[in-house]
PDB file of N, CA and C in Angstrom:
ATOM      1  N   MET A   1     -33.845 -16.031   2.027  1.00  0.00           N
ATOM      2  CA  MET A   1     -32.787 -16.773   1.931  1.00  0.00           C
ATOM      3  C   MET A   1     -32.516 -17.336   2.685  1.00  0.00           C
ATOM      4  N   MET A   2     -32.216 -18.708   2.597  1.00  0.00           N
ATOM      5  CA  MET A   2     -31.943 -19.651   4.133  1.00  0.00           C
ATOM      6  C   MET A   2     -30.564 -19.109   4.314  1.00  0.00           C
ATOM      7  N   ASP A   3     -30.646 -19.644   5.404  1.00  0.00           N
ATOM      8  CA  ASP A   3     -28.625 -19.019   6.316  1.00  0.00           C
ATOM      9  C   ASP A   3     -28.430 -20.665   6.695  1.00  0.00           C
ATOM     10  N   TYR A   4     -28.051 -21.474   5.694  1.00  0.00           N
ATOM     11  CA  TYR A   4     -27.620 -22.856   5.988  1.00  0.00           C
ATOM     12  C   TYR A   4     -26.602 -23.012   4.956  1.00  0.00           C
ATOM     13  N   ILE A   5     -25.521 -23.614   5.312  1.00  0.00           N
ATOM     14  CA  ILE A   5     -24.565 -24.205   4.200  1.00  0.00           C
ATOM     15  C   ILE A   5     -24.606 -25.858   4.196  1.00  0.00           C
ATOM     16  N   PRO A   6     -24.965 -25.541   2.620  1.00  0.00           N
ATOM     17  CA  PRO A   6     -25.170 -27.252   1.852  1.00  0.00           C
ATOM     18  C   PRO A   6     -24.203 -28.217   2.532  1.00  0.00           C
ATOM     19  N   ILE A   7     -24.404 -29.436   2.363  1.00  0.00           N
ATOM     20  CA  ILE A   7     -23.180 -30.400   2.335  1.00  0.00           C
ATOM     21  C   ILE A   7     -21.930 -29.960   1.358  1.00  0.00           C
ATOM     22  N   PRO A   8     -21.080 -30.266   1.883  1.00  0.00           N
ATOM     23  CA  PRO A   8     -19.825 -29.725   0.987  1.00  0.00           C
ATOM     24  C   PRO A   8     -19.864 -31.127   0.566  1.00  0.00           C
ATOM     25  N   LYS A   9     -18.897 -30.867  -0.914  1.00  0.00           N
ATOM     26  CA  LYS A   9     -18.525 -31.999  -1.601  1.00  0.00           C
ATOM     27  C   LYS A   9     -17.603 -32.765  -0.586  1.00  0.00           C
ATOM     28  N   GLY A  10     -17.788 -34.110  -0.726  1.00  0.00           N
ATOM     29  CA  GLY A  10     -16.868 -34.949  -0.403  1.00  0.00           C
ATOM     30  C   GLY A  10     -17.435 -35.262   1.053  1.00  0.00           C
ATOM     31  N   ALA A  11     -18.557 -34.649   1.240  1.00  0.00           N
ATOM     32  CA  ALA A  11     -19.248 -35.454   2.659  1.00  0.00           C
ATOM     33  C   ALA A  11     -20.619 -36.087   2.240  1.00  0.00           C
ATOM     34  N   GLN A  12     -20.431 -36.658   1.090  1.00  0.00           N
ATOM     35  CA  GLN A  12     -21.566 -37.486   0.599  1.00  0.00           C
ATOM     36  C   GLN A  12     -21.716 -38.538   1.174  1.00  0.00           C
ATOM     37  N   PRO A  13     -22.653 -39.698   1.448  1.00  0.00           N
ATOM     38  CA  PRO A  13     -22.574 -40.794   1.925  1.00  0.00           C
ATOM     39  C   PRO A  13     -21.593 -41.899   1.185  1.00  0.00           C
ATOM     40  N   PRO A  14     -21.064 -42.069   2.138  1.00  0.00           N
ATOM     41  CA  PRO A  14     -20.170 -43.490   1.506  1.00  0.00           C
ATOM     42  C   PRO A  14     -20.782 -44.498   0.818  1.00  0.00           C
ATOM     43  N   MET A  15     -20.174 -45.596   0.103  1.00  0.00           N
ATOM     44  CA  MET A  15     -20.692 -46.980  -0.330  1.00  0.00           C
ATOM     45  C   MET A  15     -19.865 -47.689   0.295  1.00  0.00           C
ATOM     46  N   LEU A  16     -20.014 -48.503   1.164  1.00  0.00           N
ATOM     47  CA  LEU A  16     -19.262 -49.543   1.866  1.00  0.00           C
ATOM     48  C   LEU A  16     -20.030 -50.916   1.303  1.00  0.00           C
ATOM     49  N   LYS A  17     -19.008 -51.582   0.821  1.00  0.00           N
ATOM     50  CA  LYS A  17     -19.389 -53.101   0.285  1.00  0.00           C
ATOM     51  C   LYS A  17     -18.672 -54.205   0.980  1.00  0.00           C
ATOM     52  N   PHE A  18     -19.659 -55.222   1.098  1.00  0.00           N
ATOM     53  CA  PHE A  18     -18.954 -56.257   1.970  1.00  0.00           C
ATOM     54  C   PHE A  18     -19.952 -57.187   1.992  1.00  0.00           C
ATOM     55  N   GLU A  19     -19.180 -58.465   2.709  1.00  0.00           N
ATOM     56  CA  GLU A  19     -20.097 -59.854   2.520  1.00  0.00           C
ATOM     57  C   GLU A  19     -19.930 -60.345   4.017  1.00  0.00           C
ATOM     58  N   THR A  20     -19.154 -60.033   5.006  1.00  0.00           N
ATOM     59  CA  THR A  20     -18.810 -60.829   5.994  1.00  0.00           C
ATOM     60  C   THR A  20     -19.122 -59.519   7.326  1.00  0.00           C
ATOM     61  N   ASP A  21     -19.108 -60.094   8.454  1.00  0.00           N
ATOM     62  CA  ASP A  21     -18.848 -59.034   9.431  1.00  0.00           C
ATOM     63  C   ASP A  21     -17.633 -58.297   9.344  1.00  0.00           C
ATOM     64  N   MET A  22     -16.397 -59.222   9.286  1.00  0.00           N
ATOM     65  CA  MET A  22     -15.190 -58.842   9.289  1.00  0.00           C
ATOM     66  C   MET A  22     -14.877 -57.591   8.079  1.00  0.00           C
ATOM     67  N   GLU A  23     -15.258 -57.737   6.800  1.00  0.00           N
ATOM     68  CA  GLU A  23     -15.397 -56.826   5.926  1.00  0.00           C
ATOM     69  C   GLU A  23     -15.807 -55.874   6.379  1.00  0.00           C
ATOM     70  N   PHE A  24     -17.495 -55.762   7.034  1.00  0.00           N
ATOM     71  CA  PHE A  24     -18.088 -54.613   7.009  1.00  0.00           C
ATOM     72  C   PHE A  24     -17.233 -53.885   7.974  1.00  0.00           C
ATOM     73  N   HIS A  25     -16.472 -54.157   9.167  1.00  0.00           N
ATOM     74  CA  HIS A  25     -15.982 -53.739  10.224  1.00  0.00           C
ATOM     75  C   HIS A  25     -14.480 -53.078   9.394  1.00  0.00           C
ATOM     76  N   LYS A  26     -13.783 -53.920   8.445  1.00  0.00           N
ATOM     77  CA  LYS A  26     -12.683 -53.172   7.482  1.00  0.00           C
ATOM     78  C   LYS A  26     -13.659 -51.857   6.679  1.00  0.00           C
ATOM     79  N   ALA A  27     -14.498 -52.163   6.049  1.00  0.00           N
ATOM     80  CA  ALA A  27     -15.382 -50.948   5.104  1.00  0.00           C
ATOM     81  C   ALA A  27     -15.341 -49.603   6.188  1.00  0.00           C
ATOM     82  N   LEU A  28     -15.841 -49.971   7.509  1.00  0.00           N
ATOM     83  CA  LEU A  28     -15.994 -48.833   8.370  1.00  0.00           C
ATOM     84  C   LEU A  28     -14.859 -48.198   8.613  1.00  0.00           C
ATOM     85  N   SER A  29     -13.706 -49.173   9.068  1.00  0.00           N
ATOM     86  CA  SER A  29     -12.336 -48.665   9.272  1.00  0.00           C
ATOM     87  C   SER A  29     -12.008 -47.751   8.239  1.00  0.00           C
ATOM     88  N   ASP A  30     -11.740 -48.332   6.884  1.00  0.00           N
ATOM     89  CA  ASP A  30     -11.491 -47.895   5.666  1.00  0.00           C
ATOM     90  C   ASP A  30     -12.177 -46.430   5.569  1.00  0.00           C
ATOM     91  N   ASN A  31     -13.311 -46.386   5.587  1.00  0.00           N
ATOM     92  CA  ASN A  31     -13.980 -45.293   5.032  1.00  0.00           C
ATOM     93  C   ASN A  31     -14.479 -44.124   6.605  1.00  0.00           C
ATOM     94  N   ALA A  32     -13.781 -44.290   7.575  1.00  0.00           N
ATOM     95  CA  ALA A  32     -13.903 -43.283   8.828  1.00  0.00           C
ATOM     96  C   ALA A  32     -13.911 -42.225   8.350  1.00  0.00           C
ATOM     97  N   HIS A  33     -12.998 -41.478   7.741  1.00  0.00           N
ATOM     98  CA  HIS A  33     -12.694 -40.191   7.561  1.00  0.00           C
ATOM     99  C   HIS A  33     -14.354 -39.853   6.738  1.00  0.00           C
ATOM    100  N   ALA A  34     -14.403 -40.178   5.746  1.00  0.00           N
ATOM    101  CA  ALA A  34     -16.012 -40.140   4.991  1.00  0.00           C
ATOM    102  C   ALA A  34     -16.941 -40.344   5.736  1.00  0.00           C
ATOM    103  N   ILE A  35     -17.223 -41.145   6.671  1.00  0.00           N
ATOM    104  CA  ILE A  35     -18.652 -41.592   7.437  1.00  0.00           C
ATOM    105  C   ILE A  35     -18.475 -40.230   8.699  1.00  0.00           C
ATOM    106  N   HIS A  36     -17.432 -39.976   9.298  1.00  0.00           N
ATOM    107  CA  HIS A  36     -17.096 -38.877  10.089  1.00  0.00           C
ATOM    108  C   HIS A  36     -17.551 -37.681   9.897  1.00  0.00           C
ATOM    109  N   MET A  37     -16.869 -37.021   8.534  1.00  0.00           N
ATOM    110  CA  MET A  37     -17.032 -35.829   7.657  1.00  0.00           C
ATOM    111  C   MET A  37     -19.033 -35.945   7.465  1.00  0.00           C
ATOM    112  N   ARG A  38     -19.291 -36.898   6.818  1.00  0.00           N
ATOM    113  CA  ARG A  38     -20.652 -37.296   6.628  1.00  0.00           C
ATOM    114  C   ARG A  38     -21.511 -37.028   7.564  1.00  0.00           C
ATOM    115  N   THR A  39     -21.117 -37.545   9.031  1.00  0.00           N
ATOM    116  CA  THR A  39     -22.063 -37.340  10.005  1.00  0.00           C
ATOM    117  C   THR A  39     -22.064 -36.113  10.594  1.00  0.00           C
ATOM    118  N   LEU A  40     -21.162 -34.902  10.514  1.00  0.00           N
ATOM    119  CA  LEU A  40     -21.056 -33.855  11.010  1.00  0.00           C
ATOM    120  C   LEU A  40     -22.174 -32.911  10.262  1.00  0.00           C
ATOM    121  N   TYR A  41     -21.421 -32.950   8.682  1.00  0.00           N
ATOM    122  CA  TYR A  41     -22.256 -32.172   7.843  1.00  0.00           C
ATOM    123  C   TYR A  41     -23.776 -32.499   7.529  1.00  0.00           C
ATOM    124  N   ALA A  42     -23.908 -33.852   7.429  1.00  0.00           N
ATOM    125  CA  ALA A  42     -25.474 -34.252   7.332  1.00  0.00           C
ATOM    126  C   ALA A  42     -26.350 -33.756   8.460  1.00  0.00           C
ATOM    127  N   ILE A  43     -25.841 -33.925   9.789  1.00  0.00           N
ATOM    128  CA  ILE A  43     -26.623 -33.440  10.876  1.00  0.00           C
ATOM    129  C   ILE A  43     -26.944 -31.972  11.371  1.00  0.00           C
ATOM    130  N   LYS A  44     -25.743 -31.229  10.481  1.00  0.00           N
ATOM    131  CA  LYS A  44     -25.383 -29.894  10.517  1.00  0.00           C
ATOM    132  C   LYS A  44     -26.551 -28.921   9.214  1.00  0.00           C
ATOM    133  N   TYR A  45     -26.931 -29.957   8.357  1.00  0.00           N
ATOM    134  CA  TYR A  45     -27.580 -29.474   7.352  1.00  0.00           C
ATOM    135  C   TYR A  45     -29.048 -29.702   7.914  1.00  0.00           C
ATOM    136  N   ALA A  46     -29.137 -31.015   8.577  1.00  0.00           N
ATOM    137  CA  ALA A  46     -30.361 -31.164   8.659  1.00  0.00           C
ATOM    138  C   ALA A  46     -31.419 -30.489   9.875  1.00  0.00           C
ATOM    139  N   HIS A  47     -29.889 -29.968  10.911  1.00  0.00           N
ATOM    140  CA  HIS A  47     -30.226 -29.097  11.742  1.00  0.00           C
ATOM    141  C   HIS A  47     -30.811 -27.741  11.357  1.00  0.00           C
ATOM    142  N   ASP A  48     -30.020 -27.332  10.194  1.00  0.00           N
ATOM    143  CA  ASP A  48     -30.251 -25.849   9.708  1.00  0.00           C
ATOM    144  C   ASP A  48     -31.771 -25.837   8.870  1.00  0.00           C
ATOM    145  N   THR A  49     -32.077 -27.053   8.207  1.00  0.00           N
ATOM    146  CA  THR A  49     -32.890 -26.761   7.562  1.00  0.00           C
ATOM    147  C   THR A  49     -34.573 -27.592   7.940  1.00  0.00           C
ATOM    148  N   LYS A  50     -34.054 -27.940   9.545  1.00  0.00           N
ATOM    149  CA  LYS A  50     -35.084 -28.314  10.428  1.00  0.00           C
ATOM    150  C   LYS A  50     -35.593 -29.342   9.798  1.00  0.00           C
ATOM    151  N   PHE A  51     -34.496 -30.593   9.017  1.00  0.00           N
ATOM    152  CA  PHE A  51     -34.885 -31.593   8.962  1.00  0.00           C
ATOM    153  C   PHE A  51     -34.850 -32.585  10.057  1.00  0.00           C
ATOM    154  N   ASN A  52     -35.883 -33.196  10.772  1.00  0.00           N
ATOM    155  CA  ASN A  52     -35.991 -34.024  11.645  1.00  0.00           C
ATOM    156  C   ASN A  52     -36.575 -35.189  11.874  1.00  0.00           C
ATOM    157  N   GLU A  53     -35.535 -35.711  10.653  1.00  0.00           N
ATOM    158  CA  GLU A  53     -35.607 -37.325  10.697  1.00  0.00           C
ATOM    159  C   GLU A  53     -34.218 -37.944  10.587  1.00  0.00           C
ATOM    160  N   GLU A  54     -34.484 -39.455  10.315  1.00  0.00           N
ATOM    161  CA  GLU A  54     -32.999 -40.023   9.986  1.00  0.00           C
ATOM    162  C   GLU A  54     -32.266 -39.429   8.865  1.00  0.00           C
ATOM    163  N   ILE A  55     -31.098 -39.279   9.312  1.00  0.00           N
ATOM    164  CA  ILE A  55     -30.379 -38.924   8.201  1.00  0.00           C
ATOM    165  C   ILE A  55     -29.124 -40.176   7.568  1.00  0.00           C
ATOM    166  N   THR A  56     -29.085 -40.081   6.336  1.00  0.00           N
ATOM    167  CA  THR A  56     -28.094 -41.322   5.773  1.00  0.00           C
ATOM    168  C   THR A  56     -26.460 -41.008   6.029  1.00  0.00           C
ATOM    169  N   ILE A  57     -25.905 -42.025   6.588  1.00  0.00           N
ATOM    170  CA  ILE A  57     -24.485 -41.922   6.730  1.00  0.00           C
ATOM    171  C   ILE A  57     -23.727 -42.360   5.878  1.00  0.00           C
ATOM    172  N   ALA A  58     -24.430 -43.845   5.580  1.00  0.00           N
ATOM    173  CA  ALA A  58     -23.558 -44.451   4.433  1.00  0.00           C
ATOM    174  C   ALA A  58     -24.726 -45.415   3.585  1.00  0.00           C
ATOM    175  N   PHE A  59     -24.170 -46.134   2.565  1.00  0.00           N
ATOM    176  CA  PHE A  59     -25.137 -46.987   1.970  1.00  0.00           C
ATOM    177  C   PHE A  59     -24.127 -48.062   2.314  1.00  0.00           C
ATOM    178  N   LEU A  60     -25.154 -49.215   2.555  1.00  0.00           N
ATOM    179  CA  LEU A  60     -24.580 -50.364   2.540  1.00  0.00           C
ATOM    180  C   LEU A  60     -24.797 -51.615   1.277  1.00  0.00           C
ATOM    181  N   ASN A  61     -23.796 -51.721   0.675  1.00  0.00           N
ATOM    182  CA  ASN A  61     -23.702 -52.995  -0.578  1.00  0.00           C
ATOM    183  C   ASN A  61     -24.577 -52.134  -1.572  1.00  0.00           C
ATOM    184  N   ASP A  62     -25.515 -51.325  -1.794  1.00  0.00           N
ATOM    185  CA  ASP A  62     -26.694 -51.048  -2.568  1.00  0.00           C
ATOM    186  C   ASP A  62     -27.363 -49.626  -2.217  1.00  0.00           C
ATOM    187  N   GLU A  63     -27.640 -48.832  -2.788  1.00  0.00           N
ATOM    188  CA  GLU A  63     -28.484 -47.484  -2.752  1.00  0.00           C
ATOM    189  C   GLU A  63     -29.762 -47.868  -1.791  1.00  0.00           C
ATOM    190  N   ASP A  64     -30.343 -49.132  -1.965  1.00  0.00           N
ATOM    191  CA  ASP A  64     -31.554 -49.251  -0.925  1.00  0.00           C
ATOM    192  C   ASP A  64     -31.455 -49.591   0.571  1.00  0.00           C
ATOM    193  N   THR A  65     -30.168 -49.720   1.166  1.00  0.00           N
ATOM    194  CA  THR A  65     -29.635 -50.292   2.414  1.00  0.00           C
ATOM    195  C   THR A  65     -28.734 -49.473   2.712  1.00  0.00           C
ATOM    196  N   ILE A  66     -29.070 -48.767   3.884  1.00  0.00           N
ATOM    197  CA  ILE A  66     -28.596 -47.421   4.448  1.00  0.00           C
ATOM    198  C   ILE A  66     -28.261 -47.543   6.025  1.00  0.00           C
ATOM    199  N   LEU A  67     -26.849 -46.835   6.433  1.00  0.00           N
ATOM    200  CA  LEU A  67     -26.613 -46.808   7.632  1.00  0.00           C
ATOM    201  C   LEU A  67     -26.926 -45.348   7.944  1.00  0.00           C
ATOM    202  N   GLY A  68     -28.234 -45.446   8.967  1.00  0.00           N
ATOM    203  CA  GLY A  68     -28.689 -44.227   9.219  1.00  0.00           C
ATOM    204  C   GLY A  68     -28.505 -43.512  10.436  1.00  0.00           C
ATOM    205  N   CYS A  69     -28.953 -42.677  10.770  1.00  0.00           N
ATOM    206  CA  CYS A  69     -28.700 -41.896  12.441  1.00  0.00           C
ATOM    207  C   CYS A  69     -30.138 -40.855  12.428  1.00  0.00           C
ATOM    208  N   PRO A  70     -30.914 -41.921  13.285  1.00  0.00           N
ATOM    209  CA  PRO A  70     -32.181 -40.917  14.070  1.00  0.00           C
ATOM    210  C   PRO A  70     -31.879 -39.645  14.403  1.00  0.00           C
ATOM    211  N   PRO A  71     -32.601 -38.625  14.737  1.00  0.00           N
ATOM    212  CA  PRO A  71     -32.290 -37.346  15.537  1.00  0.00           C
ATOM    213  C   PRO A  71     -31.790 -37.580  17.046  1.00  0.00           C
ATOM    214  N   ASP A  72     -32.348 -38.888  17.680  1.00  0.00           N
ATOM    215  CA  ASP A  72     -32.400 -38.917  18.929  1.00  0.00           C
ATOM    216  C   ASP A  72     -31.010 -39.301  19.554  1.00  0.00           C
ATOM    217  N   VAL A  73     -30.233 -39.669  18.531  1.00  0.00           N
ATOM    218  CA  VAL A  73     -28.737 -39.939  18.481  1.00  0.00           C
ATOM    219  C   VAL A  73     -27.762 -39.085  17.773  1.00  0.00           C
ATOM    220  N   TRP A  74     -28.352 -38.216  17.683  1.00  0.00           N
ATOM    221  CA  TRP A  74     -27.149 -37.228  16.675  1.00  0.00           C
ATOM    222  C   TRP A  74     -26.195 -36.783  17.380  1.00  0.00           C
ATOM    223  N   ILE A  75     -26.345 -36.431  18.791  1.00  0.00           N
ATOM    224  CA  ILE A  75     -25.594 -35.626  19.731  1.00  0.00           C
ATOM    225  C   ILE A  75     -24.257 -36.757  20.241  1.00  0.00           C
ATOM    226  N   ASP A  76     -24.813 -38.588  20.005  1.00  0.00           N
ATOM    227  CA  ASP A  76     -24.085 -39.223  20.354  1.00  0.00           C
ATOM    228  C   ASP A  76     -22.981 -39.699  19.323  1.00  0.00           C
ATOM    229  N   ASN A  77     -23.451 -39.706  17.931  1.00  0.00           N
ATOM    230  CA  ASN A  77     -22.840 -39.995  16.913  1.00  0.00           C
ATOM    231  C   ASN A  77     -21.787 -38.603  16.619  1.00  0.00           C
ATOM    232  N   LEU A  78     -22.112 -37.519  16.948  1.00  0.00           N
ATOM    233  CA  LEU A  78     -21.079 -36.493  17.090  1.00  0.00           C
ATOM    234  C   LEU A  78     -20.193 -36.614  17.870  1.00  0.00           C
ATOM    235  N   GLN A  79     -20.411 -37.006  19.259  1.00  0.00           N
ATOM    236  CA  GLN A  79     -19.387 -37.030  20.107  1.00  0.00           C
ATOM    237  C   GLN A  79     -18.388 -37.992  19.815  1.00  0.00           C
ATOM    238  N   MET A  80     -18.756 -39.239  19.176  1.00  0.00           N
ATOM    239  CA  MET A  80     -18.133 -40.376  18.231  1.00  0.00           C
ATOM    240  C   MET A  80     -17.169 -39.842  17.363  1.00  0.00           C
ATOM    241  N   SER A  81     -18.061 -39.073  16.512  1.00  0.00           N
ATOM    242  CA  SER A  81     -16.855 -38.435  15.179  1.00  0.00           C
ATOM    243  C   SER A  81     -16.086 -37.017  16.122  1.00  0.00           C
ATOM    244  N   MET A  82     -16.299 -36.512  17.144  1.00  0.00           N
ATOM    245  CA  MET A  82     -15.311 -35.860  17.681  1.00  0.00           C
ATOM    246  C   MET A  82     -13.854 -36.562  18.209  1.00  0.00           C
ATOM    247  N   GLU A  83     -14.454 -37.792  18.643  1.00  0.00           N
ATOM    248  CA  GLU A  83     -13.064 -38.718  19.284  1.00  0.00           C
ATOM    249  C   GLU A  83     -12.475 -39.020  17.769  1.00  0.00           C
ATOM    250  N   TYR A  84     -12.783 -39.060  17.068  1.00  0.00           N
ATOM    251  CA  TYR A  84     -11.964 -39.671  15.791  1.00  0.00           C
ATOM    252  C   TYR A  84     -11.208 -38.456  15.374  1.00  0.00           C
ATOM    253  N   PHE A  85     -12.127 -36.882  15.151  1.00  0.00           N
ATOM    254  CA  PHE A  85     -11.366 -35.838  14.534  1.00  0.00           C
ATOM    255  C   PHE A  85     -10.183 -35.700  15.921  1.00  0.00           C
ATOM    256  N   ILE A  86     -10.625 -35.973  17.280  1.00  0.00           N
ATOM    257  CA  ILE A  86      -9.135 -35.634  18.075  1.00  0.00           C
ATOM    258  C   ILE A  86      -8.319 -36.542  17.903  1.00  0.00           C
ATOM    259  N   GLU A  87      -8.491 -38.053  17.425  1.00  0.00           N
ATOM    260  CA  GLU A  87      -7.406 -38.934  17.110  1.00  0.00           C
ATOM    261  C   GLU A  87      -6.331 -38.474  15.663  1.00  0.00           C
ATOM    262  N   VAL A  88      -7.024 -37.658  14.949  1.00  0.00           N
ATOM    263  CA  VAL A  88      -6.380 -37.652  13.699  1.00  0.00           C
ATOM    264  C   VAL A  88      -6.069 -35.946  13.860  1.00  0.00           C
ATOM    265  N   GLU A  89      -6.317 -35.318  15.217  1.00  0.00           N
ATOM    266  CA  GLU A  89      -5.851 -33.778  15.087  1.00  0.00           C
ATOM    267  C   GLU A  89      -6.294 -33.087  14.127  1.00  0.00           C
ATOM    268  N   ALA A  90      -7.554 -33.203  13.911  1.00  0.00           N
ATOM    269  CA  ALA A  90      -8.376 -32.352  12.754  1.00  0.00           C
ATOM    270  C   ALA A  90      -8.834 -31.227  13.893  1.00  0.00           C
ATOM    271  N   TYR A  91      -8.450 -30.535  14.765  1.00  0.00           N
ATOM    272  CA  TYR A  91      -8.951 -29.713  15.735  1.00  0.00           C
ATOM    273  C   TYR A  91     -10.491 -28.585  15.179  1.00  0.00           C
ATOM    274  N   GLU A  92     -10.028 -28.291  13.948  1.00  0.00           N
ATOM    275  CA  GLU A  92     -10.883 -27.308  13.503  1.00  0.00           C
ATOM    276  C   GLU A  92     -12.602 -27.972  13.347  1.00  0.00           C
ATOM    277  N   LYS A  93     -12.273 -29.497  12.756  1.00  0.00           N
ATOM    278  CA  LYS A  93     -13.632 -30.279  12.674  1.00  0.00           C
ATOM    279  C   LYS A  93     -14.234 -30.178  14.205  1.00  0.00           C
ATOM    280  N   CYS A  94     -13.242 -30.710  15.331  1.00  0.00           N
ATOM    281  CA  CYS A  94     -13.859 -30.598  16.857  1.00  0.00           C
ATOM    282  C   CYS A  94     -14.351 -29.212  17.009  1.00  0.00           C
ATOM    283  N   GLN A  95     -13.952 -28.241  16.596  1.00  0.00           N
ATOM    284  CA  GLN A  95     -14.573 -26.775  17.237  1.00  0.00           C
ATOM    285  C   GLN A  95     -16.025 -26.889  16.150  1.00  0.00           C
ATOM    286  N   GLU A  96     -15.845 -27.068  14.929  1.00  0.00           N
ATOM    287  CA  GLU A  96     -17.303 -27.399  14.689  1.00  0.00           C
ATOM    288  C   GLU A  96     -18.199 -28.126  15.031  1.00  0.00           C
ATOM    289  N   ILE A  97     -18.015 -29.805  15.457  1.00  0.00           N
ATOM    290  CA  ILE A  97     -18.805 -30.138  16.221  1.00  0.00           C
ATOM    291  C   ILE A  97     -19.019 -29.733  17.445  1.00  0.00           C
ATOM    292  N   LYS A  98     -18.342 -28.967  18.197  1.00  0.00           N
ATOM    293  CA  LYS A  98     -18.659 -28.670  19.561  1.00  0.00           C
ATOM    294  C   LYS A  98     -20.108 -27.643  19.245  1.00  0.00           C
ATOM    295  N   GLU A  99     -19.454 -26.716  18.420  1.00  0.00           N
ATOM    296  CA  GLU A  99     -20.678 -25.872  18.102  1.00  0.00           C
ATOM    297  C   GLU A  99     -22.175 -26.056  17.631  1.00  0.00           C
ATOM    298  N   LEU A 100     -22.143 -27.522  16.910  1.00  0.00           N
ATOM    299  CA  LEU A 100     -23.144 -27.824  16.539  1.00  0.00           C
ATOM    300  C   LEU A 100     -23.853 -28.618  17.568  1.00  0.00           C
ATOM    301  N   ILE A 101     -22.786 -29.334  18.410  1.00  0.00           N
ATOM    302  CA  ILE A 101     -23.694 -29.826  19.873  1.00  0.00           C
ATOM    303  C   ILE A 101     -24.237 -28.955  20.611  1.00  0.00           C
ATOM    304  N   ASP A 102     -23.540 -27.829  20.688  1.00  0.00           N
ATOM    305  CA  ASP A 102     -24.390 -27.010  21.574  1.00  0.00           C
ATOM    306  C   ASP A 102     -25.585 -25.982  20.877  1.00  0.00           C
ATOM    307  N   ARG A 103     -25.644 -25.805  19.841  1.00  0.00           N
ATOM    308  CA  ARG A 103     -26.582 -25.360  19.163  1.00  0.00           C
ATOM    309  C   ARG A 103     -28.083 -26.468  18.942  1.00  0.00           C
ATOM    310  N   LEU A 104     -27.893 -27.877  19.196  1.00  0.00           N
ATOM    311  CA  LEU A 104     -28.578 -29.186  19.224  1.00  0.00           C
ATOM    312  C   LEU A 104     -28.926 -29.051  20.167  1.00  0.00           C
ATOM    313  N   GLN A 105     -28.114 -28.536  21.413  1.00  0.00           N
ATOM    314  CA  GLN A 105     -28.940 -28.776  22.874  1.00  0.00           C
ATOM    315  C   GLN A 105     -29.347 -27.675  23.582  1.00  0.00           C
ATOM    316  N   SER A 106     -29.576 -26.608  22.882  1.00  0.00           N
ATOM    317  CA  SER A 106     -30.100 -25.053  23.364  1.00  0.00           C
ATOM    318  C   SER A 106     -31.304 -25.525  22.923  1.00  0.00           C
TER     319      SER A 106
END
């Protein structure tokens, strides 16, 4: 039996629809919570399952275009997610991120 937690419901990649740069930034802002939840749980799942390739954070306009996150920037992206969760005072998510960063660095 594998000892990892599957990606929870609600942490699937969001679909961001936009045509202009301004609409893209608005879509990122409107979906910030989903993007940061996805970042946390997709990296955690990838690490737990030894998947060492780019993870999908969001789909851009269709299922074929993705906003991805390669393993060499997982920690940087988790630190950005930590800042978001501090801002919204979701401190239990901050703790999960801290523990995951510690695991990635060991």
